[in-house]
Amino acid sequence: MNPSRDLYASLALSYVPHLTQLVDRNPYSPTYGCFDREYWHYRTLDFPCGMSQEFVLPFALLFVRDYPGNRFYQWERLREIAIAGMRFAVKGSHRDGSCDDYFPFEQAMGALAFSTYAMTEAYQRLGLDDGALVEFFRKRGRHLIRHNETGRLSNHQAIAALAAYNIFRITGDEAFRHCAEERMELALSWQNKEEGWFQEYEGADPGYHTCSIDFLAKLHQKSAQAGKPYDGLIAPLVKAVEFAWYFMHPDGSYGGEYGSRNTYHFYPHGFELMAAHSEKAGQIADQFLRGAAGGTRYHNDDDRMVCHCVYNWLQAWEDYHPRRPATPLNARAPFLQWFPAAGMAICKTDNYYAVANLNKGGVLKVYGAPDRPAPDAPDPGEGSAGHRAGPNGATRRDVCCTGSDTGLIGELDNGGVIVTHLMDAQHRVTAYPERGVFVVEGVFSRRRSKLNSPVRMILFRLVNITVGRFFPNLLRAAVQKLLITGKKRLPWRFRRTLRFDPDAVRIADEIPGPIPLRRLSAGSDATSIYVANSNVYQESVLRVPWTHAPAEIVEQARSHAALWEREIKGR
């Protein structure tokens, strides 16, 4: 028994009740096996979400594998549900095998790739022999061969490669192996070779970066098991792990609003697979486990997204690397790391650990820096009942998030909201890493916050069943520009200076003005683009409040110019 390893299984098993309530379990129901509760139970949607069918995989894994504490092992109902889920996916897909995610006739590649990987993995784990399902997988594979999506989402290309490779393993059809290799090469071509990060829309997102690591590491594992390993993946993955190492925080949390897509994603299985090739991968995985034990891991527990991590934790348990790093991640010596292409600066002193994204207007997160343990210090795990031990013996109070600044956000006299935290290639970044000083200059943008109404929904559905039905990528590109990459730049400028001093991070926001501001703040978790996997729970979102500008600062910005200075300490 390994308590650290077994935590992976424990985390996954705690979600079985949630997963079970999502699926239609009635064999006499026309939606038997559908995991989209909004569609089959609440009946508030007019189409089933194809992504939801990836939920078959945890049921298959729990049926076939006797994980520690798995009381569901060999329960026939789990196998039944997994198979029913695959068969409903056939019913819920279009004739060409594609499926929808957020609107009808979307033909979403991401939903197709995620659910196809999960279903083909479940199919193999269960040892099935079902001609109808195999033909369905072929349809899915042919769709991947013929179609791609708009936007640069490296994690989607990586999971598409993994799904295609699984179809190859099931069918033996070389066309699907070639498809897997093409998608793999495309994902690798979107990696910044110098810094190691995979592109997600307009830049680096450490959260989704772990997804790309995970999917490509799985692909390498599968190819090695087949006797023809894609060994060219190892060097890029090691580089990717080295980049990720900087975004695992001292409290065991990971990622945040400083990423291009605002995500806290952390998929540990890829790091367990890479632990044989990189000590840093093992350090990252161990730090996640310490954070999970201490309550600082992120939670993305809504019905649509909860499945991603559940099967990943089970796979991480299966491939837990037996040789763990001798040196824990929190033994990192002080450093300042600057990634100019990503626009990200990471600084560790004896007093704090800070991450900033200058390409995003200087978005910043600060954590307490733990005392570095002695080389022979025991691994933590116990603390007094009232003061739980955290990573490497440091108390959670020592290493918690002490500051989170997601840029300026203000309300105008006319009610409009303006922000500085969008990824923007027009920002001008000046870096003085040898002095620990970083400056970003840019313009405010208008925050979009359109909501649906009955009239808008009717009009959108008309577009879905007409233009969108025949030109799904055209509609997808328009939606992406409207909700994600598009910017309504304004004439008002800002200049943010971050100074990483030994004791604190000092922030100076200059607003040349005048701007008709009603109020101004520095948000602690503000976001302005649509990302399904953002705005979830990490301890920092409750621990750190927003900071509101004093009235005199607002008045100065209204009349001429303002300088708003403040500092964030780690202790």
Foldseek 3Di string as FASTA:
>chain_A
DDVLLLVLVVVLVVCVVVQVVQADCDPVDPRHLQRHCVCPPVNVDPAGALLRLLSLQVLLCLQQDDRVPSPCHVVVSSVVSSVRSLVSLVVRADPLLFHHHPFFLLSDLQSLLSNLLSNLVSCVSNVDDDPVSLVSLVSSLVCLVVDDFDAFQLLSLLSNLNSLVSNCVVPVDVVSPVSSVVSVVVQVVQADPVQLAHDGGQFGFLQSLQSSLQSVLVQQVVCVVVVHGPVVVLVSSQSSLVNQLLQQFPQLFGTALQGQQGFRHHQLLSLLSNVVPYLSSLLNNSSNSLNVLVVFYFAPCDSSPRSPRSVSSVNCSVSRHPDHDLAHSLLDAWDWDADVRRQKIWTDFQFWTKIFRVLQVTWMWIWGRFDRDDSPQDADDADPPVFGAGGSRGTCLRTDTQATFQFKWFAFPVGWIKTRGHRDPPWDKDDDRVQQKIKIKDFIWTFDDDDDDVVNVVVVNVCCVPVCNVCSNVVVVVVCCVFPVPTHTDPWMKMWMWHDDNFWIKIKIKTQDQGRTPWMWGARRDDRGDDPNHPGDGPSNPPYGIGTDDPVQNVCNNPGMHIDMDITGND
